[in-house]
């Protein structure tokens, strides 16, 4: 079964796994379920917080599905007095490819 969000996919992946993101526009609402205000200095709110690391030999990959173009539109996510981070990465050995972020 497909995951509903990148956040939920990252909770299940292990080093060496690849998550394929299907094409289309993913419009993030003003108050996304995964937006939990994660911040290092209380000035950023994030939608997706990637915290699971791969290894040098086995990266965790988040790739566009072959021949498709996933587009993440964060333009409606406007937390008050905070900057927006669509993808906040606190992990090593990740590979993201073919993903458009607005």
PDB file of N, CA and C in Angstrom:
ATOM      1  N   UNK A   1       0.841  -1.190   0.000  1.00  0.00           N
ATOM      2  CA  UNK A   1       0.000   0.000   0.000  1.00  0.00           C
ATOM      3  C   UNK A   1       0.875   1.239   0.000  1.00  0.00           C
ATOM      4  N   UNK A   2       0.475   2.244  -0.760  1.00  0.00           N
ATOM      5  CA  UNK A   2       1.270   3.479  -0.777  1.00  0.00           C
ATOM      6  C   UNK A   2       1.106   4.256   0.526  1.00  0.00           C
ATOM      7  N   UNK A   3       2.123   5.027   0.849  1.00  0.00           N
ATOM      8  CA  UNK A   3       2.058   5.907   2.011  1.00  0.00           C
ATOM      9  C   UNK A   3       1.361   7.199   1.614  1.00  0.00           C
ATOM     10  N   UNK A   4       0.675   7.814   2.549  1.00  0.00           N
ATOM     11  CA  UNK A   4      -0.056   9.050   2.260  1.00  0.00           C
ATOM     12  C   UNK A   4       0.872  10.262   2.199  1.00  0.00           C
ATOM     13  N   UNK A   5       1.976  10.221   2.931  1.00  0.00           N
ATOM     14  CA  UNK A   5       2.898  11.362   2.971  1.00  0.00           C
ATOM     15  C   UNK A   5       4.337  10.856   2.961  1.00  0.00           C
ATOM     16  N   UNK A   6       5.241  11.752   2.598  1.00  0.00           N
ATOM     17  CA  UNK A   6       6.661  11.419   2.670  1.00  0.00           C
ATOM     18  C   UNK A   6       7.044  11.177   4.125  1.00  0.00           C
ATOM     19  N   UNK A   7       6.453  11.941   5.034  1.00  0.00           N
ATOM     20  CA  UNK A   7       6.734  11.777   6.462  1.00  0.00           C
ATOM     21  C   UNK A   7       6.402  10.356   6.923  1.00  0.00           C
ATOM     22  N   UNK A   8       5.261   9.831   6.531  1.00  0.00           N
ATOM     23  CA  UNK A   8       4.908   8.482   6.948  1.00  0.00           C
ATOM     24  C   UNK A   8       5.790   7.441   6.268  1.00  0.00           C
ATOM     25  N   UNK A   9       6.223   7.696   5.051  1.00  0.00           N
ATOM     26  CA  UNK A   9       7.133   6.767   4.376  1.00  0.00           C
ATOM     27  C   UNK A   9       8.467   6.697   5.102  1.00  0.00           C
ATOM     28  N   UNK A  10       8.972   7.851   5.533  1.00  0.00           N
ATOM     29  CA  UNK A  10      10.284   7.860   6.178  1.00  0.00           C
ATOM     30  C   UNK A  10      10.270   7.126   7.513  1.00  0.00           C
ATOM     31  N   UNK A  11       9.134   6.995   8.123  1.00  0.00           N
ATOM     32  CA  UNK A  11       9.045   6.256   9.379  1.00  0.00           C
ATOM     33  C   UNK A  11       9.233   4.754   9.163  1.00  0.00           C
ATOM     34  N   UNK A  12       9.019   4.272   7.939  1.00  0.00           N
ATOM     35  CA  UNK A  12       9.122   2.842   7.654  1.00  0.00           C
ATOM     36  C   UNK A  12      10.391   2.447   6.902  1.00  0.00           C
ATOM     37  N   UNK A  13      11.081   3.399   6.288  1.00  0.00           N
ATOM     38  CA  UNK A  13      12.239   3.043   5.468  1.00  0.00           C
ATOM     39  C   UNK A  13      13.434   2.625   6.315  1.00  0.00           C
ATOM     40  N   UNK A  14      14.299   1.875   5.657  1.00  0.00           N
ATOM     41  CA  UNK A  14      15.555   1.421   6.243  1.00  0.00           C
ATOM     42  C   UNK A  14      16.669   1.742   5.245  1.00  0.00           C
ATOM     43  N   UNK A  15      17.918   1.803   5.696  1.00  0.00           N
ATOM     44  CA  UNK A  15      19.013   2.032   4.749  1.00  0.00           C
ATOM     45  C   UNK A  15      18.938   1.055   3.577  1.00  0.00           C
ATOM     46  N   UNK A  16      19.110   1.595   2.379  1.00  0.00           N
ATOM     47  CA  UNK A  16      19.022   0.793   1.166  1.00  0.00           C
ATOM     48  C   UNK A  16      17.667   0.832   0.499  1.00  0.00           C
ATOM     49  N   UNK A  17      16.642   1.396   1.169  1.00  0.00           N
ATOM     50  CA  UNK A  17      15.296   1.467   0.597  1.00  0.00           C
ATOM     51  C   UNK A  17      15.167   2.663  -0.345  1.00  0.00           C
ATOM     52  N   UNK A  18      14.242   2.535  -1.294  1.00  0.00           N
ATOM     53  CA  UNK A  18      13.883   3.622  -2.199  1.00  0.00           C
ATOM     54  C   UNK A  18      12.394   3.879  -2.083  1.00  0.00           C
ATOM     55  N   UNK A  19      12.045   5.134  -1.871  1.00  0.00           N
ATOM     56  CA  UNK A  19      10.645   5.566  -1.855  1.00  0.00           C
ATOM     57  C   UNK A  19      10.399   6.259  -3.190  1.00  0.00           C
ATOM     58  N   UNK A  20       9.437   5.751  -3.964  1.00  0.00           N
ATOM     59  CA  UNK A  20       9.079   6.375  -5.239  1.00  0.00           C
ATOM     60  C   UNK A  20       7.887   7.292  -5.018  1.00  0.00           C
ATOM     61  N   UNK A  21       8.029   8.530  -5.473  1.00  0.00           N
ATOM     62  CA  UNK A  21       6.963   9.530  -5.350  1.00  0.00           C
ATOM     63  C   UNK A  21       6.275   9.648  -6.697  1.00  0.00           C
ATOM     64  N   UNK A  22       4.973   9.419  -6.713  1.00  0.00           N
ATOM     65  CA  UNK A  22       4.212   9.464  -7.957  1.00  0.00           C
ATOM     66  C   UNK A  22       4.057  10.891  -8.431  1.00  0.00           C
ATOM     67  N   UNK A  23       3.845  11.049  -9.717  1.00  0.00           N
ATOM     68  CA  UNK A  23       3.713  12.362 -10.323  1.00  0.00           C
ATOM     69  C   UNK A  23       2.426  13.048  -9.921  1.00  0.00           C
ATOM     70  N   UNK A  24       2.407  14.352 -10.115  1.00  0.00           N
ATOM     71  CA  UNK A  24       1.245  15.158  -9.793  1.00  0.00           C
ATOM     72  C   UNK A  24       1.623  16.237  -8.803  1.00  0.00           C
ATOM     73  N   UNK A  25       0.678  17.121  -8.535  1.00  0.00           N
ATOM     74  CA  UNK A  25       0.906  18.214  -7.598  1.00  0.00           C
ATOM     75  C   UNK A  25       0.332  17.848  -6.244  1.00  0.00           C
ATOM     76  N   UNK A  26       1.174  17.949  -5.233  1.00  0.00           N
ATOM     77  CA  UNK A  26       0.776  17.711  -3.852  1.00  0.00           C
ATOM     78  C   UNK A  26       0.646  19.073  -3.193  1.00  0.00           C
ATOM     79  N   UNK A  27      -0.570  19.572  -3.083  1.00  0.00           N
ATOM     80  CA  UNK A  27      -0.816  20.873  -2.469  1.00  0.00           C
ATOM     81  C   UNK A  27      -0.927  20.703  -0.964  1.00  0.00           C
ATOM     82  N   UNK A  28      -0.048  21.368  -0.259  1.00  0.00           N
ATOM     83  CA  UNK A  28      -0.020  21.270   1.194  1.00  0.00           C
ATOM     84  C   UNK A  28      -0.975  22.320   1.762  1.00  0.00           C
ATOM     85  N   UNK A  29      -1.918  21.931   2.610  1.00  0.00           N
ATOM     86  CA  UNK A  29      -2.873  22.897   3.168  1.00  0.00           C
ATOM     87  C   UNK A  29      -2.197  23.859   4.147  1.00  0.00           C
ATOM     88  N   UNK A  30      -2.931  24.862   4.559  1.00  0.00           N
ATOM     89  CA  UNK A  30      -2.401  25.882   5.469  1.00  0.00           C
ATOM     90  C   UNK A  30      -1.907  25.283   6.774  1.00  0.00           C
ATOM     91  N   UNK A  31      -2.576  24.260   7.279  1.00  0.00           N
ATOM     92  CA  UNK A  31      -2.169  23.589   8.515  1.00  0.00           C
ATOM     93  C   UNK A  31      -2.006  22.100   8.252  1.00  0.00           C
ATOM     94  N   UNK A  32      -0.873  21.701   7.646  1.00  0.00           N
ATOM     95  CA  UNK A  32      -0.711  20.293   7.312  1.00  0.00           C
ATOM     96  C   UNK A  32      -0.588  19.422   8.560  1.00  0.00           C
ATOM     97  N   UNK A  33      -1.079  18.205   8.445  1.00  0.00           N
ATOM     98  CA  UNK A  33      -1.034  17.263   9.560  1.00  0.00           C
ATOM     99  C   UNK A  33       0.398  17.040  10.015  1.00  0.00           C
ATOM    100  N   UNK A  34       1.344  16.966   9.072  1.00  0.00           N
ATOM    101  CA  UNK A  34       2.737  16.709   9.435  1.00  0.00           C
ATOM    102  C   UNK A  34       3.468  17.962   9.879  1.00  0.00           C
ATOM    103  N   UNK A  35       2.881  19.130   9.711  1.00  0.00           N
ATOM    104  CA  UNK A  35       3.545  20.366  10.117  1.00  0.00           C
ATOM    105  C   UNK A  35       3.471  20.543  11.613  1.00  0.00           C
ATOM    106  N   UNK A  36       4.553  20.262  12.299  1.00  0.00           N
ATOM    107  CA  UNK A  36       4.515  20.297  13.743  1.00  0.00           C
ATOM    108  C   UNK A  36       5.455  21.339  14.333  1.00  0.00           C
ATOM    109  N   UNK A  37       5.842  22.319  13.537  1.00  0.00           N
ATOM    110  CA  UNK A  37       6.634  23.413  14.072  1.00  0.00           C
ATOM    111  C   UNK A  37       8.039  23.044  14.474  1.00  0.00           C
ATOM    112  N   UNK A  38       8.595  22.004  13.877  1.00  0.00           N
ATOM    113  CA  UNK A  38       9.964  21.623  14.201  1.00  0.00           C
ATOM    114  C   UNK A  38      10.880  22.773  13.819  1.00  0.00           C
ATOM    115  N   UNK A  39      11.784  23.087  14.700  1.00  0.00           N
ATOM    116  CA  UNK A  39      12.638  24.233  14.465  1.00  0.00           C
ATOM    117  C   UNK A  39      13.892  24.126  15.305  1.00  0.00           C
ATOM    118  N   UNK A  40      14.979  24.587  14.758  1.00  0.00           N
ATOM    119  CA  UNK A  40      16.216  24.646  15.536  1.00  0.00           C
ATOM    120  C   UNK A  40      16.304  25.952  16.308  1.00  0.00           C
ATOM    121  N   UNK A  41      15.786  26.996  15.727  1.00  0.00           N
ATOM    122  CA  UNK A  41      15.902  28.304  16.371  1.00  0.00           C
ATOM    123  C   UNK A  41      14.554  29.009  16.486  1.00  0.00           C
ATOM    124  N   UNK A  42      13.489  28.233  16.462  1.00  0.00           N
ATOM    125  CA  UNK A  42      12.118  28.749  16.603  1.00  0.00           C
ATOM    126  C   UNK A  42      11.723  29.740  15.529  1.00  0.00           C
ATOM    127  N   UNK A  43      12.423  29.745  14.391  1.00  0.00           N
ATOM    128  CA  UNK A  43      12.017  30.629  13.309  1.00  0.00           C
ATOM    129  C   UNK A  43      11.504  29.855  12.100  1.00  0.00           C
ATOM    130  N   UNK A  44      11.582  28.531  12.118  1.00  0.00           N
ATOM    131  CA  UNK A  44      11.128  27.704  11.011  1.00  0.00           C
ATOM    132  C   UNK A  44      10.021  26.751  11.451  1.00  0.00           C
ATOM    133  N   UNK A  45       9.070  26.572  10.557  1.00  0.00           N
ATOM    134  CA  UNK A  45       8.074  25.509  10.695  1.00  0.00           C
ATOM    135  C   UNK A  45       8.296  24.585   9.508  1.00  0.00           C
ATOM    136  N   UNK A  46       8.222  23.304   9.734  1.00  0.00           N
ATOM    137  CA  UNK A  46       8.456  22.394   8.618  1.00  0.00           C
ATOM    138  C   UNK A  46       7.260  21.490   8.391  1.00  0.00           C
ATOM    139  N   UNK A  47       7.180  21.018   7.160  1.00  0.00           N
ATOM    140  CA  UNK A  47       6.108  20.118   6.771  1.00  0.00           C
ATOM    141  C   UNK A  47       6.582  18.671   6.864  1.00  0.00           C
ATOM    142  N   UNK A  48       7.745  18.393   6.318  1.00  0.00           N
ATOM    143  CA  UNK A  48       8.298  17.041   6.335  1.00  0.00           C
ATOM    144  C   UNK A  48       9.662  17.076   7.009  1.00  0.00           C
ATOM    145  N   UNK A  49       9.826  16.287   8.050  1.00  0.00           N
ATOM    146  CA  UNK A  49      11.071  16.249   8.817  1.00  0.00           C
ATOM    147  C   UNK A  49      11.713  14.886   8.616  1.00  0.00           C
ATOM    148  N   UNK A  50      12.753  14.847   7.800  1.00  0.00           N
ATOM    149  CA  UNK A  50      13.436  13.592   7.508  1.00  0.00           C
ATOM    150  C   UNK A  50      14.560  13.400   8.518  1.00  0.00           C
ATOM    151  N   UNK A  51      14.445  12.348   9.333  1.00  0.00           N
ATOM    152  CA  UNK A  51      15.388  12.122  10.422  1.00  0.00           C
ATOM    153  C   UNK A  51      16.103  10.780  10.333  1.00  0.00           C
ATOM    154  N   UNK A  52      15.684   9.914   9.433  1.00  0.00           N
ATOM    155  CA  UNK A  52      16.301   8.590   9.316  1.00  0.00           C
ATOM    156  C   UNK A  52      17.446   8.635   8.317  1.00  0.00           C
ATOM    157  N   UNK A  53      18.605   8.191   8.764  1.00  0.00           N
ATOM    158  CA  UNK A  53      19.789   8.192   7.909  1.00  0.00           C
ATOM    159  C   UNK A  53      19.976   6.861   7.204  1.00  0.00           C
ATOM    160  N   UNK A  54      20.566   6.956   6.022  1.00  0.00           N
ATOM    161  CA  UNK A  54      21.070   5.777   5.355  1.00  0.00           C
ATOM    162  C   UNK A  54      22.500   5.558   5.825  1.00  0.00           C
ATOM    163  N   UNK A  55      23.256   4.824   5.052  1.00  0.00           N
ATOM    164  CA  UNK A  55      24.673   4.600   5.329  1.00  0.00           C
ATOM    165  C   UNK A  55      25.446   4.906   4.048  1.00  0.00           C
ATOM    166  N   UNK A  56      26.777   5.034   4.127  1.00  0.00           N
ATOM    167  CA  UNK A  56      27.532   5.281   2.891  1.00  0.00           C
ATOM    168  C   UNK A  56      27.293   4.203   1.835  1.00  0.00           C
ATOM    169  N   UNK A  57      27.096   2.974   2.256  1.00  0.00           N
ATOM    170  CA  UNK A  57      26.872   1.871   1.319  1.00  0.00           C
ATOM    171  C   UNK A  57      25.404   1.714   0.933  1.00  0.00           C
ATOM    172  N   UNK A  58      24.493   2.191   1.768  1.00  0.00           N
ATOM    173  CA  UNK A  58      23.052   1.998   1.553  1.00  0.00           C
ATOM    174  C   UNK A  58      22.288   3.280   1.864  1.00  0.00           C
ATOM    175  N   UNK A  59      22.224   4.145   0.894  1.00  0.00           N
ATOM    176  CA  UNK A  59      21.481   5.391   1.072  1.00  0.00           C
ATOM    177  C   UNK A  59      19.986   5.116   1.115  1.00  0.00           C
ATOM    178  N   UNK A  60      19.258   6.044   1.697  1.00  0.00           N
ATOM    179  CA  UNK A  60      17.797   6.035   1.591  1.00  0.00           C
ATOM    180  C   UNK A  60      17.466   7.012   0.471  1.00  0.00           C
ATOM    181  N   UNK A  61      16.710   6.535  -0.504  1.00  0.00           N
ATOM    182  CA  UNK A  61      16.418   7.330  -1.697  1.00  0.00           C
ATOM    183  C   UNK A  61      14.943   7.722  -1.750  1.00  0.00           C
ATOM    184  N   UNK A  62      14.699   8.960  -2.110  1.00  0.00           N
ATOM    185  CA  UNK A  62      13.359   9.486  -2.370  1.00  0.00           C
ATOM    186  C   UNK A  62      13.391   9.978  -3.810  1.00  0.00           C
ATOM    187  N   UNK A  63      12.867   9.171  -4.718  1.00  0.00           N
ATOM    188  CA  UNK A  63      12.966   9.444  -6.147  1.00  0.00           C
ATOM    189  C   UNK A  63      11.589   9.662  -6.759  1.00  0.00           C
ATOM    190  N   UNK A  64      11.557  10.512  -7.798  1.00  0.00           N
ATOM    191  CA  UNK A  64      10.361  10.599  -8.628  1.00  0.00           C
ATOM    192  C   UNK A  64      10.167   9.243  -9.297  1.00  0.00           C
ATOM    193  N   UNK A  65       8.917   8.805  -9.374  1.00  0.00           N
ATOM    194  CA  UNK A  65       8.614   7.561 -10.075  1.00  0.00           C
ATOM    195  C   UNK A  65       9.068   7.730 -11.527  1.00  0.00           C
ATOM    196  N   UNK A  66       9.683   6.712 -12.130  1.00  0.00           N
ATOM    197  CA  UNK A  66      10.196   6.851 -13.488  1.00  0.00           C
ATOM    198  C   UNK A  66       9.148   7.405 -14.463  1.00  0.00           C
ATOM    199  N   UNK A  67       9.543   8.468 -15.147  1.00  0.00           N
ATOM    200  CA  UNK A  67       8.661   9.096 -16.141  1.00  0.00           C
ATOM    201  C   UNK A  67       7.633  10.044 -15.559  1.00  0.00           C
ATOM    202  N   UNK A  68       7.634  10.253 -14.242  1.00  0.00           N
ATOM    203  CA  UNK A  68       6.650  11.145 -13.604  1.00  0.00           C
ATOM    204  C   UNK A  68       7.363  12.270 -12.866  1.00  0.00           C
ATOM    205  N   UNK A  69       6.625  13.354 -12.583  1.00  0.00           N
ATOM    206  CA  UNK A  69       7.202  14.523 -11.925  1.00  0.00           C
ATOM    207  C   UNK A  69       6.350  14.929 -10.721  1.00  0.00           C
ATOM    208  N   UNK A  70       6.748  14.543  -9.506  1.00  0.00           N
ATOM    209  CA  UNK A  70       6.015  15.006  -8.324  1.00  0.00           C
ATOM    210  C   UNK A  70       6.379  16.456  -8.006  1.00  0.00           C
ATOM    211  N   UNK A  71       5.361  17.224  -7.681  1.00  0.00           N
ATOM    212  CA  UNK A  71       5.547  18.645  -7.365  1.00  0.00           C
ATOM    213  C   UNK A  71       4.891  18.908  -6.011  1.00  0.00           C
ATOM    214  N   UNK A  72       5.665  19.417  -5.070  1.00  0.00           N
ATOM    215  CA  UNK A  72       5.151  19.744  -3.746  1.00  0.00           C
ATOM    216  C   UNK A  72       4.949  21.247  -3.678  1.00  0.00           C
ATOM    217  N   UNK A  73       3.705  21.661  -3.504  1.00  0.00           N
ATOM    218  CA  UNK A  73       3.348  23.081  -3.469  1.00  0.00           C
ATOM    219  C   UNK A  73       3.064  23.484  -2.026  1.00  0.00           C
ATOM    220  N   UNK A  74       4.003  24.211  -1.422  1.00  0.00           N
ATOM    221  CA  UNK A  74       3.885  24.660  -0.039  1.00  0.00           C
ATOM    222  C   UNK A  74       3.400  26.107   0.066  1.00  0.00           C
ATOM    223  N   UNK A  75       2.904  26.668  -1.026  1.00  0.00           N
ATOM    224  CA  UNK A  75       2.565  28.098  -1.045  1.00  0.00           C
ATOM    225  C   UNK A  75       1.420  28.477  -0.108  1.00  0.00           C
ATOM    226  N   UNK A  76       0.549  27.540   0.247  1.00  0.00           N
ATOM    227  CA  UNK A  76      -0.551  27.874   1.177  1.00  0.00           C
ATOM    228  C   UNK A  76      -0.162  27.693   2.636  1.00  0.00           C
ATOM    229  N   UNK A  77       0.955  27.038   2.901  1.00  0.00           N
ATOM    230  CA  UNK A  77       1.425  26.813   4.271  1.00  0.00           C
ATOM    231  C   UNK A  77       2.125  28.087   4.740  1.00  0.00           C
ATOM    232  N   UNK A  78       1.437  28.853   5.584  1.00  0.00           N
ATOM    233  CA  UNK A  78       1.949  30.155   6.015  1.00  0.00           C
ATOM    234  C   UNK A  78       1.824  30.317   7.523  1.00  0.00           C
ATOM    235  N   UNK A  79       2.706  29.661   8.273  1.00  0.00           N
ATOM    236  CA  UNK A  79       2.649  29.827   9.726  1.00  0.00           C
ATOM    237  C   UNK A  79       3.000  31.257  10.113  1.00  0.00           C
ATOM    238  N   UNK A  80       2.340  31.743  11.129  1.00  0.00           N
ATOM    239  CA  UNK A  80       2.529  33.122  11.570  1.00  0.00           C
ATOM    240  C   UNK A  80       3.930  33.304  12.151  1.00  0.00           C
ATOM    241  N   UNK A  81       4.609  34.335  11.683  1.00  0.00           N
ATOM    242  CA  UNK A  81       5.939  34.713  12.184  1.00  0.00           C
ATOM    243  C   UNK A  81       6.976  33.605  12.082  1.00  0.00           C
ATOM    244  N   UNK A  82       6.844  32.742  11.090  1.00  0.00           N
ATOM    245  CA  UNK A  82       7.823  31.670  10.900  1.00  0.00           C
ATOM    246  C   UNK A  82       8.142  31.522   9.422  1.00  0.00           C
ATOM    247  N   UNK A  83       9.342  31.079   9.157  1.00  0.00           N
ATOM    248  CA  UNK A  83       9.733  30.726   7.800  1.00  0.00           C
ATOM    249  C   UNK A  83       9.296  29.286   7.548  1.00  0.00           C
ATOM    250  N   UNK A  84       9.188  28.920   6.286  1.00  0.00           N
ATOM    251  CA  UNK A  84       8.707  27.590   5.918  1.00  0.00           C
ATOM    252  C   UNK A  84       9.865  26.736   5.407  1.00  0.00           C
ATOM    253  N   UNK A  85       9.920  25.528   5.891  1.00  0.00           N
ATOM    254  CA  UNK A  85      10.832  24.528   5.352  1.00  0.00           C
ATOM    255  C   UNK A  85       9.971  23.354   4.905  1.00  0.00           C
ATOM    256  N   UNK A  86       9.851  23.156   3.612  1.00  0.00           N
ATOM    257  CA  UNK A  86       9.055  22.049   3.100  1.00  0.00           C
ATOM    258  C   UNK A  86       9.642  20.706   3.494  1.00  0.00           C
ATOM    259  N   UNK A  87      10.965  20.603   3.378  1.00  0.00           N
ATOM    260  CA  UNK A  87      11.682  19.394   3.773  1.00  0.00           C
ATOM    261  C   UNK A  87      12.827  19.815   4.689  1.00  0.00           C
ATOM    262  N   UNK A  88      12.736  19.448   5.959  1.00  0.00           N
ATOM    263  CA  UNK A  88      13.813  19.711   6.915  1.00  0.00           C
ATOM    264  C   UNK A  88      14.554  18.391   7.083  1.00  0.00           C
ATOM    265  N   UNK A  89      15.842  18.399   6.758  1.00  0.00           N
ATOM    266  CA  UNK A  89      16.605  17.154   6.759  1.00  0.00           C
ATOM    267  C   UNK A  89      17.610  17.157   7.900  1.00  0.00           C
ATOM    268  N   UNK A  90      17.409  16.252   8.841  1.00  0.00           N
ATOM    269  CA  UNK A  90      18.317  16.004   9.956  1.00  0.00           C
ATOM    270  C   UNK A  90      18.812  14.570   9.853  1.00  0.00           C
ATOM    271  N   UNK A  91      19.415  14.236   8.726  1.00  0.00           N
ATOM    272  CA  UNK A  91      19.854  12.866   8.473  1.00  0.00           C
ATOM    273  C   UNK A  91      21.009  12.898   7.480  1.00  0.00           C
ATOM    274  N   UNK A  92      21.702  11.794   7.390  1.00  0.00           N
ATOM    275  CA  UNK A  92      22.819  11.647   6.458  1.00  0.00           C
ATOM    276  C   UNK A  92      22.513  10.544   5.460  1.00  0.00           C
ATOM    277  N   UNK A  93      23.207  10.613   4.347  1.00  0.00           N
ATOM    278  CA  UNK A  93      23.154   9.584   3.330  1.00  0.00           C
ATOM    279  C   UNK A  93      21.759   9.384   2.761  1.00  0.00           C
ATOM    280  N   UNK A  94      21.102  10.524   2.445  1.00  0.00           N
ATOM    281  CA  UNK A  94      19.820  10.515   1.742  1.00  0.00           C
ATOM    282  C   UNK A  94      20.072  10.971   0.314  1.00  0.00           C
ATOM    283  N   UNK A  95      19.227  10.533  -0.601  1.00  0.00           N
ATOM    284  CA  UNK A  95      19.318  10.956  -1.991  1.00  0.00           C
ATOM    285  C   UNK A  95      17.907  11.287  -2.460  1.00  0.00           C
ATOM    286  N   UNK A  96      17.675  12.563  -2.803  1.00  0.00           N
ATOM    287  CA  UNK A  96      16.395  13.018  -3.337  1.00  0.00           C
ATOM    288  C   UNK A  96      16.621  13.383  -4.799  1.00  0.00           C
ATOM    289  N   UNK A  97      15.721  12.923  -5.685  1.00  0.00           N
ATOM    290  CA  UNK A  97      15.923  13.166  -7.109  1.00  0.00           C
ATOM    291  C   UNK A  97      14.585  13.289  -7.831  1.00  0.00           C
ATOM    292  N   UNK A  98      14.492  14.302  -8.688  1.00  0.00           N
ATOM    293  CA  UNK A  98      13.340  14.454  -9.573  1.00  0.00           C
ATOM    294  C   UNK A  98      12.111  15.066  -8.911  1.00  0.00           C
ATOM    295  N   UNK A  99      12.298  15.762  -7.790  1.00  0.00           N
ATOM    296  CA  UNK A  99      11.182  16.321  -7.035  1.00  0.00           C
ATOM    297  C   UNK A  99      11.208  17.839  -7.176  1.00  0.00           C
ATOM    298  N   UNK A 100      10.076  18.420  -7.531  1.00  0.00           N
ATOM    299  CA  UNK A 100       9.965  19.881  -7.627  1.00  0.00           C
ATOM    300  C   UNK A 100       9.304  20.412  -6.361  1.00  0.00           C
ATOM    301  N   UNK A 101       9.857  21.493  -5.823  1.00  0.00           N
ATOM    302  CA  UNK A 101       9.315  22.111  -4.615  1.00  0.00           C
ATOM    303  C   UNK A 101       8.981  23.565  -4.922  1.00  0.00           C
ATOM    304  N   UNK A 102       7.727  23.963  -4.609  1.00  0.00           N
ATOM    305  CA  UNK A 102       7.276  25.344  -4.812  1.00  0.00           C
ATOM    306  C   UNK A 102       6.998  25.951  -3.466  1.00  0.00           C
TER     307      UNK A 102
END
